[in-house]
């Protein structure tokens, strides 16, 4: 009678080695740490009929979309993969139409939004009036606003990040840029 020797299969060896180790516990998902720059502002003054102060870590670039009109700009934030899109329109007996368009563009986010809070801004000395919309939830834009002199000018702005929306991971960044948008609104003036 002959005895046969069977070599241990590599799969059996791997299973034996893994069985001797501690059980694996998955770690909670983490997010990258974000270092924010110091708040410093630069005056934007061009041939457009408005001025405002914007953050020094932003870069003003002309809007290059197909539907772009004069004085449409973006404030790009390359370190944060975001931008504030700004569009301007001259008012010609159509202010209510612009306000309603701005409102409807904001409220299109209702499907994904948890809440939308409106804050009214007014500076009668500079004839600047408007509304800032805080949009809570996993939406494409978390902050939008419009400003007008109620007579000849209308400006609309919105904050976008080129990342999938995640309210938890973006919350500190949105809060940081909200302060910059409030500064933009408070420093805004018509020419």
N, C-alpha and C. Protein backbone atom coordinates (compact mmCIF):
# COMPACT_ATOMS: atom_id res chain seq x y z
N UNK A 1 0.82 -1.17 0.00
CA UNK A 1 0.00 0.00 0.00
C UNK A 1 0.87 1.24 0.00
N UNK A 2 0.49 2.12 -0.78
CA UNK A 2 1.26 3.33 -0.97
C UNK A 2 0.51 4.52 -0.37
N UNK A 3 1.20 5.40 0.35
CA UNK A 3 0.56 6.60 0.89
C UNK A 3 0.85 7.79 -0.02
N UNK A 4 -0.16 8.57 -0.19
CA UNK A 4 -0.02 9.75 -1.06
C UNK A 4 0.03 10.99 -0.19
N UNK A 5 0.88 11.89 -0.56
CA UNK A 5 0.99 13.17 0.14
C UNK A 5 0.37 14.26 -0.73
N UNK A 6 -0.55 14.98 -0.13
CA UNK A 6 -1.19 16.08 -0.86
C UNK A 6 -0.60 17.40 -0.37
N UNK A 7 -0.10 18.20 -1.24
CA UNK A 7 0.42 19.50 -0.79
C UNK A 7 -0.73 20.40 -0.35
N UNK A 8 -0.46 21.18 0.70
CA UNK A 8 -1.49 22.13 1.16
C UNK A 8 -1.72 23.17 0.08
N UNK A 9 -2.96 23.40 -0.18
CA UNK A 9 -3.26 24.39 -1.21
C UNK A 9 -2.97 25.80 -0.67
N UNK A 10 -2.57 26.72 -1.55
CA UNK A 10 -2.30 28.09 -1.10
C UNK A 10 -3.53 28.75 -0.47
N UNK A 11 -4.71 28.43 -0.93
CA UNK A 11 -5.94 29.01 -0.36
C UNK A 11 -6.11 28.59 1.08
N UNK A 12 -5.84 27.33 1.38
CA UNK A 12 -5.95 26.84 2.74
C UNK A 12 -4.95 27.53 3.65
N UNK A 13 -3.76 27.78 3.17
CA UNK A 13 -2.73 28.46 3.97
C UNK A 13 -3.18 29.89 4.28
N UNK A 14 -3.71 30.59 3.28
CA UNK A 14 -4.17 31.97 3.49
C UNK A 14 -5.30 32.01 4.51
N UNK A 15 -6.23 31.08 4.42
CA UNK A 15 -7.34 31.03 5.38
C UNK A 15 -6.84 30.77 6.79
N UNK A 16 -5.87 29.90 6.95
CA UNK A 16 -5.32 29.61 8.27
C UNK A 16 -4.61 30.83 8.86
N UNK A 17 -3.88 31.56 8.02
CA UNK A 17 -3.17 32.74 8.50
C UNK A 17 -4.17 33.83 8.91
N UNK A 18 -5.21 34.02 8.11
CA UNK A 18 -6.20 35.05 8.42
C UNK A 18 -7.01 34.71 9.66
N UNK A 19 -7.22 33.45 9.92
CA UNK A 19 -8.01 33.04 11.08
C UNK A 19 -7.29 33.35 12.38
N UNK A 20 -5.98 33.49 12.34
CA UNK A 20 -5.21 33.74 13.55
C UNK A 20 -5.12 35.22 13.90
N UNK A 21 -5.64 36.09 13.04
CA UNK A 21 -5.55 37.52 13.32
C UNK A 21 -6.81 38.02 14.00
N UNK A 22 -6.70 39.22 14.57
CA UNK A 22 -7.86 39.84 15.21
C UNK A 22 -8.91 40.18 14.17
N UNK A 23 -10.12 40.33 14.66
CA UNK A 23 -11.20 40.67 13.72
C UNK A 23 -11.05 42.14 13.29
N UNK A 24 -11.45 42.41 12.08
CA UNK A 24 -11.33 43.75 11.49
C UNK A 24 -12.55 44.58 11.85
N UNK A 25 -12.31 45.80 12.29
CA UNK A 25 -13.39 46.73 12.57
C UNK A 25 -13.25 47.90 11.60
N UNK A 26 -14.26 48.16 10.79
CA UNK A 26 -14.14 49.28 9.84
C UNK A 26 -14.09 50.62 10.57
N UNK A 27 -13.32 51.51 10.04
CA UNK A 27 -13.17 52.84 10.62
C UNK A 27 -14.24 53.76 10.04
N UNK A 28 -14.71 54.74 10.81
CA UNK A 28 -15.70 55.67 10.25
C UNK A 28 -15.09 56.49 9.13
N UNK A 29 -15.92 56.88 8.21
CA UNK A 29 -15.46 57.67 7.07
C UNK A 29 -15.00 59.04 7.56
N UNK A 30 -13.87 59.50 7.08
CA UNK A 30 -13.34 60.78 7.50
C UNK A 30 -13.30 61.77 6.36
N UNK A 31 -13.09 63.02 6.68
CA UNK A 31 -13.02 64.08 5.69
C UNK A 31 -11.69 64.80 5.82
N UNK A 32 -11.26 65.38 4.71
CA UNK A 32 -10.00 66.09 4.72
C UNK A 32 -10.08 67.33 5.59
N UNK A 33 -8.99 67.69 6.16
CA UNK A 33 -8.89 68.92 6.93
C UNK A 33 -8.73 70.07 5.97
N UNK A 34 -9.43 71.17 6.25
CA UNK A 34 -9.37 72.34 5.38
C UNK A 34 -8.73 73.48 6.16
N UNK A 35 -7.65 74.02 5.62
CA UNK A 35 -7.01 75.19 6.22
C UNK A 35 -7.49 76.42 5.47
N UNK A 36 -8.11 77.34 6.21
CA UNK A 36 -8.66 78.54 5.59
C UNK A 36 -7.66 79.68 5.66
N UNK A 37 -7.60 80.48 4.59
CA UNK A 37 -6.70 81.63 4.60
C UNK A 37 -7.26 82.77 5.46
N UNK A 38 -6.40 83.73 5.76
CA UNK A 38 -6.84 84.91 6.51
C UNK A 38 -7.78 85.74 5.64
N UNK A 39 -8.74 86.40 6.28
CA UNK A 39 -9.71 87.23 5.57
C UNK A 39 -9.08 88.56 5.20
N UNK A 40 -8.90 88.77 3.91
CA UNK A 40 -8.43 90.04 3.35
C UNK A 40 -9.24 90.30 2.10
N UNK A 41 -9.55 91.57 1.84
CA UNK A 41 -10.44 91.89 0.73
C UNK A 41 -9.81 92.90 -0.22
N UNK A 42 -10.21 92.78 -1.51
CA UNK A 42 -9.73 93.64 -2.58
C UNK A 42 -10.94 94.31 -3.22
N UNK A 43 -10.81 95.56 -3.59
CA UNK A 43 -11.91 96.28 -4.24
C UNK A 43 -11.98 95.88 -5.71
N UNK A 44 -13.15 95.46 -6.15
CA UNK A 44 -13.40 95.20 -7.57
C UNK A 44 -14.05 96.45 -8.15
N UNK A 45 -13.36 97.08 -9.08
CA UNK A 45 -13.87 98.28 -9.73
C UNK A 45 -13.47 98.20 -11.19
N UNK A 46 -14.45 98.12 -12.07
CA UNK A 46 -14.19 97.95 -13.50
C UNK A 46 -15.11 98.89 -14.27
N UNK A 47 -15.29 98.61 -15.54
CA UNK A 47 -16.21 99.41 -16.35
C UNK A 47 -17.66 99.03 -16.07
N UNK A 48 -17.90 97.99 -15.32
CA UNK A 48 -19.26 97.58 -14.95
C UNK A 48 -19.86 98.60 -13.98
N UNK A 49 -21.17 98.69 -13.91
CA UNK A 49 -21.81 99.73 -13.08
C UNK A 49 -21.90 99.39 -11.59
N UNK A 50 -20.99 98.58 -11.09
CA UNK A 50 -21.00 98.23 -9.68
C UNK A 50 -19.58 98.01 -9.18
N UNK A 51 -19.42 98.12 -7.86
CA UNK A 51 -18.16 97.82 -7.19
C UNK A 51 -18.48 97.00 -5.94
N UNK A 52 -17.50 96.24 -5.50
CA UNK A 52 -17.63 95.48 -4.26
C UNK A 52 -16.25 95.00 -3.85
N UNK A 53 -16.15 94.52 -2.63
CA UNK A 53 -14.90 93.94 -2.15
C UNK A 53 -15.04 92.42 -2.16
N UNK A 54 -14.00 91.76 -2.66
CA UNK A 54 -13.99 90.30 -2.73
C UNK A 54 -12.74 89.77 -2.04
N UNK A 55 -12.73 88.49 -1.65
CA UNK A 55 -11.59 87.93 -0.91
C UNK A 55 -10.32 87.90 -1.75
N UNK A 56 -9.19 88.14 -1.11
CA UNK A 56 -7.90 88.15 -1.80
C UNK A 56 -7.51 86.77 -2.32
N UNK A 57 -8.09 85.71 -1.78
CA UNK A 57 -7.78 84.36 -2.24
C UNK A 57 -8.69 83.95 -3.40
N UNK A 58 -9.50 84.89 -3.88
CA UNK A 58 -10.33 84.68 -5.06
C UNK A 58 -9.73 85.37 -6.27
N UNK A 59 -10.17 84.97 -7.45
CA UNK A 59 -9.66 85.55 -8.69
C UNK A 59 -10.86 85.90 -9.57
N UNK A 60 -10.96 87.16 -9.98
CA UNK A 60 -12.04 87.60 -10.85
C UNK A 60 -11.72 87.17 -12.28
N UNK A 61 -12.66 86.46 -12.90
CA UNK A 61 -12.51 86.04 -14.29
C UNK A 61 -13.82 86.31 -15.02
N UNK A 62 -13.75 86.67 -16.30
CA UNK A 62 -14.99 86.86 -17.06
C UNK A 62 -15.73 85.54 -17.20
N UNK A 63 -17.05 85.61 -17.19
CA UNK A 63 -17.86 84.42 -17.42
C UNK A 63 -17.78 84.07 -18.90
N UNK A 64 -17.53 82.82 -19.23
CA UNK A 64 -17.35 82.41 -20.63
C UNK A 64 -18.45 81.48 -21.12
N UNK A 65 -19.56 81.38 -20.41
CA UNK A 65 -20.67 80.54 -20.87
C UNK A 65 -21.24 81.08 -22.17
N UNK A 66 -22.00 80.25 -22.86
CA UNK A 66 -22.59 80.64 -24.13
C UNK A 66 -23.59 81.78 -23.99
N UNK A 67 -24.27 81.87 -22.86
CA UNK A 67 -25.31 82.89 -22.68
C UNK A 67 -24.80 84.13 -21.94
N UNK A 68 -23.51 84.28 -21.85
CA UNK A 68 -22.91 85.38 -21.11
C UNK A 68 -23.31 86.74 -21.68
N UNK A 69 -23.51 87.68 -20.76
CA UNK A 69 -23.80 89.06 -21.12
C UNK A 69 -22.71 89.95 -20.53
N UNK A 70 -22.64 91.20 -20.95
CA UNK A 70 -21.62 92.10 -20.38
C UNK A 70 -21.75 92.19 -18.85
N UNK A 71 -20.62 92.27 -18.20
CA UNK A 71 -20.52 92.41 -16.74
C UNK A 71 -20.92 91.15 -15.97
N UNK A 72 -20.92 90.01 -16.64
CA UNK A 72 -21.08 88.74 -15.96
C UNK A 72 -19.67 88.25 -15.63
N UNK A 73 -19.44 87.94 -14.37
CA UNK A 73 -18.11 87.52 -13.92
C UNK A 73 -18.23 86.33 -12.97
N UNK A 74 -17.11 85.70 -12.73
CA UNK A 74 -17.00 84.68 -11.69
C UNK A 74 -15.86 85.07 -10.76
N UNK A 75 -16.05 84.81 -9.50
CA UNK A 75 -14.95 84.91 -8.54
C UNK A 75 -14.54 83.46 -8.27
N UNK A 76 -13.43 83.06 -8.86
CA UNK A 76 -12.95 81.68 -8.73
C UNK A 76 -12.11 81.50 -7.48
N UNK A 77 -12.28 80.36 -6.85
CA UNK A 77 -11.50 79.97 -5.68
C UNK A 77 -10.85 78.63 -5.99
N UNK A 78 -9.72 78.63 -6.72
CA UNK A 78 -9.13 77.37 -7.17
C UNK A 78 -8.71 76.44 -6.03
N UNK A 79 -8.30 76.98 -4.91
CA UNK A 79 -7.89 76.13 -3.79
C UNK A 79 -9.06 75.38 -3.17
N UNK A 80 -10.29 75.85 -3.44
CA UNK A 80 -11.48 75.23 -2.86
C UNK A 80 -12.39 74.62 -3.93
N UNK A 81 -11.96 74.69 -5.20
CA UNK A 81 -12.73 74.15 -6.31
C UNK A 81 -14.14 74.74 -6.34
N UNK A 82 -14.21 76.07 -6.11
CA UNK A 82 -15.51 76.73 -6.07
C UNK A 82 -15.49 78.06 -6.77
N UNK A 83 -16.68 78.66 -6.88
CA UNK A 83 -16.79 79.98 -7.49
C UNK A 83 -18.08 80.64 -7.05
N UNK A 84 -18.06 81.97 -7.13
CA UNK A 84 -19.27 82.76 -6.99
C UNK A 84 -19.57 83.29 -8.38
N UNK A 85 -20.70 82.86 -8.93
CA UNK A 85 -21.11 83.32 -10.25
C UNK A 85 -21.94 84.60 -10.08
N UNK A 86 -21.58 85.65 -10.80
CA UNK A 86 -22.28 86.93 -10.71
C UNK A 86 -22.79 87.33 -12.09
N UNK A 87 -24.08 87.61 -12.17
CA UNK A 87 -24.67 88.08 -13.41
C UNK A 87 -25.34 89.42 -13.17
N UNK A 88 -25.29 90.27 -14.19
CA UNK A 88 -25.82 91.63 -14.08
C UNK A 88 -26.81 91.89 -15.22
N UNK A 89 -27.88 92.60 -14.89
CA UNK A 89 -28.87 93.01 -15.89
C UNK A 89 -29.26 94.46 -15.66
N UNK A 90 -29.48 95.17 -16.76
CA UNK A 90 -30.05 96.51 -16.65
C UNK A 90 -31.56 96.38 -16.49
N UNK A 91 -32.12 97.18 -15.62
CA UNK A 91 -33.56 97.16 -15.38
C UNK A 91 -34.23 98.14 -16.34
N UNK A 92 -35.26 97.63 -17.02
CA UNK A 92 -36.02 98.47 -17.93
C UNK A 92 -37.49 98.08 -17.79
N UNK A 93 -38.12 98.55 -16.74
CA UNK A 93 -39.51 98.24 -16.44
C UNK A 93 -39.73 96.74 -16.20
N UNK A 94 -38.65 95.99 -15.87
CA UNK A 94 -38.79 94.54 -15.69
C UNK A 94 -38.16 94.03 -14.39
N UNK A 95 -38.09 94.88 -13.39
CA UNK A 95 -37.48 94.49 -12.12
C UNK A 95 -38.20 93.29 -11.51
N UNK A 96 -39.53 93.30 -11.52
CA UNK A 96 -40.28 92.19 -10.92
C UNK A 96 -39.97 90.86 -11.61
N UNK A 97 -39.76 90.90 -12.91
CA UNK A 97 -39.40 89.70 -13.65
C UNK A 97 -38.04 89.17 -13.19
N UNK A 98 -37.06 90.04 -13.00
CA UNK A 98 -35.73 89.62 -12.53
C UNK A 98 -35.80 89.06 -11.12
N UNK A 99 -36.55 89.71 -10.25
CA UNK A 99 -36.69 89.23 -8.87
C UNK A 99 -37.36 87.86 -8.85
N UNK A 100 -38.40 87.70 -9.64
CA UNK A 100 -39.10 86.40 -9.69
C UNK A 100 -38.20 85.31 -10.29
N UNK A 101 -37.42 85.65 -11.33
CA UNK A 101 -36.47 84.68 -11.90
C UNK A 101 -35.45 84.24 -10.85
N UNK A 102 -34.93 85.21 -10.09
CA UNK A 102 -33.96 84.90 -9.05
C UNK A 102 -34.58 84.01 -7.98
N UNK A 103 -35.78 84.35 -7.58
CA UNK A 103 -36.48 83.57 -6.57
C UNK A 103 -36.75 82.15 -7.08
N UNK A 104 -37.22 82.01 -8.32
CA UNK A 104 -37.53 80.67 -8.84
C UNK A 104 -36.26 79.84 -9.03
N UNK A 105 -35.15 80.46 -9.44
CA UNK A 105 -33.89 79.72 -9.55
C UNK A 105 -33.45 79.21 -8.19
N UNK A 106 -33.65 80.01 -7.16
CA UNK A 106 -33.30 79.58 -5.80
C UNK A 106 -34.20 78.44 -5.35
N UNK A 107 -35.50 78.60 -5.56
CA UNK A 107 -36.44 77.60 -5.05
C UNK A 107 -36.51 76.34 -5.91
N UNK A 108 -35.78 76.28 -7.02
CA UNK A 108 -35.65 75.01 -7.75
C UNK A 108 -34.88 73.99 -6.92
N UNK A 109 -34.14 74.47 -5.92
CA UNK A 109 -33.37 73.59 -5.04
C UNK A 109 -34.25 72.95 -3.97
N UNK A 110 -35.53 73.29 -3.94
CA UNK A 110 -36.43 72.78 -2.91
C UNK A 110 -36.46 71.25 -2.89
N UNK A 111 -36.30 70.62 -4.03
CA UNK A 111 -36.34 69.15 -4.11
C UNK A 111 -35.30 68.52 -3.19
N UNK A 112 -34.09 69.11 -3.15
CA UNK A 112 -33.00 68.55 -2.33
C UNK A 112 -32.79 69.32 -1.03
N UNK A 113 -33.37 70.52 -0.93
CA UNK A 113 -33.10 71.38 0.23
C UNK A 113 -33.86 70.91 1.46
N UNK A 114 -33.22 71.06 2.62
CA UNK A 114 -33.88 70.83 3.89
C UNK A 114 -34.65 72.07 4.32
N UNK A 115 -34.09 73.24 3.97
CA UNK A 115 -34.73 74.52 4.31
C UNK A 115 -34.09 75.62 3.46
N UNK A 116 -34.84 76.70 3.26
CA UNK A 116 -34.31 77.89 2.59
C UNK A 116 -34.66 79.09 3.46
N UNK A 117 -33.63 79.80 3.87
CA UNK A 117 -33.81 80.97 4.74
C UNK A 117 -33.49 82.23 3.94
N UNK A 118 -34.36 83.21 4.02
CA UNK A 118 -34.17 84.48 3.33
C UNK A 118 -33.76 85.55 4.32
N UNK A 119 -32.72 86.32 3.98
CA UNK A 119 -32.29 87.46 4.79
C UNK A 119 -32.33 88.70 3.91
N UNK A 120 -33.07 89.69 4.33
CA UNK A 120 -33.22 90.93 3.56
C UNK A 120 -32.07 91.87 3.90
N UNK A 121 -31.45 92.45 2.87
CA UNK A 121 -30.39 93.44 3.04
C UNK A 121 -30.85 94.75 2.41
N UNK A 122 -30.58 95.83 3.09
CA UNK A 122 -30.91 97.13 2.53
C UNK A 122 -29.92 98.18 3.04
N UNK A 123 -29.48 99.03 2.12
CA UNK A 123 -28.62 100.16 2.44
C UNK A 123 -29.16 101.36 1.67
N UNK A 124 -30.10 102.11 2.27
CA UNK A 124 -30.75 103.21 1.56
C UNK A 124 -29.77 104.30 1.10
N UNK A 125 -28.68 104.50 1.85
CA UNK A 125 -27.71 105.53 1.47
C UNK A 125 -27.06 105.23 0.12
N UNK A 126 -26.81 103.93 -0.17
CA UNK A 126 -26.19 103.53 -1.42
C UNK A 126 -27.20 102.96 -2.42
N UNK A 127 -28.48 102.99 -2.07
CA UNK A 127 -29.56 102.45 -2.90
C UNK A 127 -29.29 100.98 -3.26
N UNK A 128 -28.91 100.18 -2.27
CA UNK A 128 -28.67 98.76 -2.47
C UNK A 128 -29.68 98.00 -1.61
N UNK A 129 -30.47 97.18 -2.28
CA UNK A 129 -31.49 96.37 -1.61
C UNK A 129 -31.41 94.96 -2.19
N UNK A 130 -31.70 93.97 -1.37
CA UNK A 130 -31.67 92.61 -1.89
C UNK A 130 -31.99 91.57 -0.86
N UNK A 131 -31.86 90.32 -1.29
CA UNK A 131 -32.12 89.17 -0.42
C UNK A 131 -30.98 88.17 -0.59
N UNK A 132 -30.54 87.62 0.55
CA UNK A 132 -29.57 86.53 0.57
C UNK A 132 -30.33 85.26 0.96
N UNK A 133 -30.16 84.20 0.17
CA UNK A 133 -30.82 82.93 0.41
C UNK A 133 -29.79 81.92 0.92
N UNK A 134 -30.04 81.38 2.11
CA UNK A 134 -29.25 80.26 2.64
C UNK A 134 -30.02 78.99 2.36
N UNK A 135 -29.44 78.11 1.55
CA UNK A 135 -30.11 76.88 1.15
C UNK A 135 -29.44 75.73 1.88
N UNK A 136 -30.16 75.12 2.79
CA UNK A 136 -29.62 74.02 3.62
C UNK A 136 -29.91 72.68 2.94
N UNK A 137 -28.95 71.77 3.02
CA UNK A 137 -29.13 70.44 2.46
C UNK A 137 -28.10 70.14 1.38
N UNK A 138 -28.27 69.01 0.71
CA UNK A 138 -27.36 68.57 -0.34
C UNK A 138 -27.78 69.17 -1.68
N UNK A 139 -27.55 70.46 -1.82
CA UNK A 139 -27.96 71.17 -3.04
C UNK A 139 -26.74 71.62 -3.82
N UNK A 140 -26.95 71.92 -5.11
CA UNK A 140 -25.84 72.36 -5.97
C UNK A 140 -25.28 73.70 -5.53
N UNK A 141 -26.14 74.58 -5.06
CA UNK A 141 -25.72 75.91 -4.59
C UNK A 141 -26.28 76.13 -3.20
N UNK A 142 -25.42 76.51 -2.26
CA UNK A 142 -25.86 76.68 -0.87
C UNK A 142 -26.19 78.12 -0.52
N UNK A 143 -25.68 79.06 -1.29
CA UNK A 143 -25.93 80.47 -1.02
C UNK A 143 -26.19 81.17 -2.34
N UNK A 144 -27.28 81.93 -2.40
CA UNK A 144 -27.60 82.75 -3.55
C UNK A 144 -28.08 84.10 -3.05
N UNK A 145 -27.96 85.12 -3.90
CA UNK A 145 -28.41 86.44 -3.50
C UNK A 145 -28.71 87.28 -4.73
N UNK A 146 -29.46 88.35 -4.51
CA UNK A 146 -29.61 89.36 -5.55
C UNK A 146 -29.57 90.73 -4.90
N UNK A 147 -29.12 91.71 -5.68
CA UNK A 147 -29.04 93.10 -5.24
C UNK A 147 -29.59 93.99 -6.34
N UNK A 148 -30.27 95.05 -5.97
CA UNK A 148 -30.83 95.98 -6.94
C UNK A 148 -30.89 97.37 -6.35
N UNK A 149 -31.01 98.37 -7.24
CA UNK A 149 -31.27 99.72 -6.77
C UNK A 149 -32.74 100.05 -6.96
N UNK A 150 -33.53 99.06 -7.36
CA UNK A 150 -34.97 99.16 -7.58
C UNK A 150 -35.33 100.08 -8.74
N UNK A 151 -34.35 100.44 -9.54
CA UNK A 151 -34.60 101.41 -10.59
C UNK A 151 -33.92 101.05 -11.91
N UNK A 152 -32.60 100.87 -11.89
CA UNK A 152 -31.86 100.70 -13.15
C UNK A 152 -30.96 99.47 -13.18
N UNK A 153 -30.64 98.88 -12.03
CA UNK A 153 -29.64 97.80 -11.99
C UNK A 153 -30.16 96.60 -11.20
N UNK A 154 -29.69 95.40 -11.64
CA UNK A 154 -30.01 94.15 -10.95
C UNK A 154 -28.80 93.22 -11.05
N UNK A 155 -28.37 92.66 -9.93
CA UNK A 155 -27.23 91.76 -9.89
C UNK A 155 -27.63 90.52 -9.10
N UNK A 156 -27.24 89.37 -9.62
CA UNK A 156 -27.54 88.11 -8.96
C UNK A 156 -26.24 87.33 -8.76
N UNK A 157 -26.10 86.66 -7.61
CA UNK A 157 -24.92 85.87 -7.33
C UNK A 157 -25.27 84.52 -6.75
N UNK A 158 -24.41 83.53 -6.99
CA UNK A 158 -24.62 82.20 -6.41
C UNK A 158 -23.27 81.50 -6.21
N UNK A 159 -23.18 80.78 -5.12
CA UNK A 159 -21.97 80.06 -4.75
C UNK A 159 -22.08 78.61 -5.19
N UNK A 160 -21.06 78.14 -5.92
CA UNK A 160 -21.03 76.75 -6.39
C UNK A 160 -19.68 76.13 -6.07
N UNK A 161 -19.69 74.83 -5.80
CA UNK A 161 -18.47 74.04 -5.66
C UNK A 161 -18.53 72.93 -6.70
N UNK A 162 -17.40 72.64 -7.32
CA UNK A 162 -17.33 71.63 -8.36
C UNK A 162 -17.05 70.25 -7.74
N UNK A 163 -17.91 69.89 -6.79
CA UNK A 163 -17.84 68.59 -6.12
C UNK A 163 -19.27 68.11 -5.89
N UNK A 164 -19.46 66.80 -5.70
CA UNK A 164 -20.81 66.34 -5.36
C UNK A 164 -21.25 66.97 -4.04
N UNK A 165 -22.50 67.44 -3.96
CA UNK A 165 -22.95 68.09 -2.72
C UNK A 165 -23.01 67.11 -1.55
N UNK A 166 -22.42 67.52 -0.45
CA UNK A 166 -22.46 66.76 0.80
C UNK A 166 -22.47 67.78 1.93
N UNK A 167 -23.65 68.00 2.49
CA UNK A 167 -23.80 69.09 3.46
C UNK A 167 -22.88 68.95 4.67
N UNK A 168 -22.56 67.73 5.07
CA UNK A 168 -21.71 67.55 6.25
C UNK A 168 -20.27 67.95 5.97
N UNK A 169 -19.72 67.49 4.86
CA UNK A 169 -18.31 67.79 4.58
C UNK A 169 -18.13 69.22 4.08
N UNK A 170 -19.13 69.79 3.42
CA UNK A 170 -19.01 71.16 2.91
C UNK A 170 -19.39 72.23 3.92
N UNK A 171 -20.02 71.85 5.02
CA UNK A 171 -20.53 72.84 5.99
C UNK A 171 -19.48 73.86 6.43
N UNK A 172 -18.25 73.47 6.82
CA UNK A 172 -17.29 74.48 7.24
C UNK A 172 -16.87 75.41 6.10
N UNK A 173 -16.78 74.87 4.88
CA UNK A 173 -16.38 75.68 3.73
C UNK A 173 -17.49 76.66 3.36
N UNK A 174 -18.73 76.19 3.38
CA UNK A 174 -19.86 77.06 3.08
C UNK A 174 -19.95 78.18 4.11
N UNK A 175 -19.77 77.85 5.37
CA UNK A 175 -19.79 78.87 6.43
C UNK A 175 -18.68 79.90 6.22
N UNK A 176 -17.50 79.44 5.82
CA UNK A 176 -16.38 80.34 5.56
C UNK A 176 -16.72 81.30 4.42
N UNK A 177 -17.26 80.79 3.32
CA UNK A 177 -17.58 81.63 2.17
C UNK A 177 -18.83 82.47 2.39
N UNK A 178 -19.70 82.06 3.28
CA UNK A 178 -20.88 82.87 3.61
C UNK A 178 -20.43 84.23 4.16
N UNK A 179 -19.41 84.22 5.01
CA UNK A 179 -18.88 85.48 5.54
C UNK A 179 -18.37 86.38 4.41
N UNK A 180 -17.73 85.78 3.40
CA UNK A 180 -17.22 86.55 2.27
C UNK A 180 -18.36 87.13 1.43
N UNK A 181 -19.42 86.36 1.26
CA UNK A 181 -20.57 86.85 0.50
C UNK A 181 -21.26 87.98 1.25
N UNK A 182 -21.39 87.85 2.55
CA UNK A 182 -21.98 88.93 3.35
C UNK A 182 -21.11 90.18 3.23
N UNK A 183 -19.79 90.03 3.26
CA UNK A 183 -18.90 91.18 3.09
C UNK A 183 -19.08 91.79 1.70
N UNK A 184 -19.20 90.95 0.68
CA UNK A 184 -19.45 91.45 -0.68
C UNK A 184 -20.73 92.27 -0.72
N UNK A 185 -21.81 91.74 -0.13
CA UNK A 185 -23.09 92.45 -0.13
C UNK A 185 -23.00 93.76 0.65
N UNK A 186 -22.34 93.75 1.79
CA UNK A 186 -22.26 94.96 2.61
C UNK A 186 -21.33 96.01 2.03
N UNK A 187 -20.37 95.60 1.20
CA UNK A 187 -19.45 96.57 0.58
C UNK A 187 -19.90 96.97 -0.82
N UNK A 188 -21.01 96.42 -1.28
CA UNK A 188 -21.50 96.63 -2.64
C UNK A 188 -22.00 98.06 -2.83
N UNK A 189 -21.71 98.62 -4.00
CA UNK A 189 -22.21 99.97 -4.34
C UNK A 189 -22.44 100.04 -5.85
N UNK A 190 -23.45 100.80 -6.23
CA UNK A 190 -23.69 101.09 -7.65
C UNK A 190 -22.90 102.32 -8.04
N UNK A 191 -22.47 102.41 -9.28
CA UNK A 191 -21.73 103.59 -9.76
C UNK A 191 -22.71 104.62 -10.26
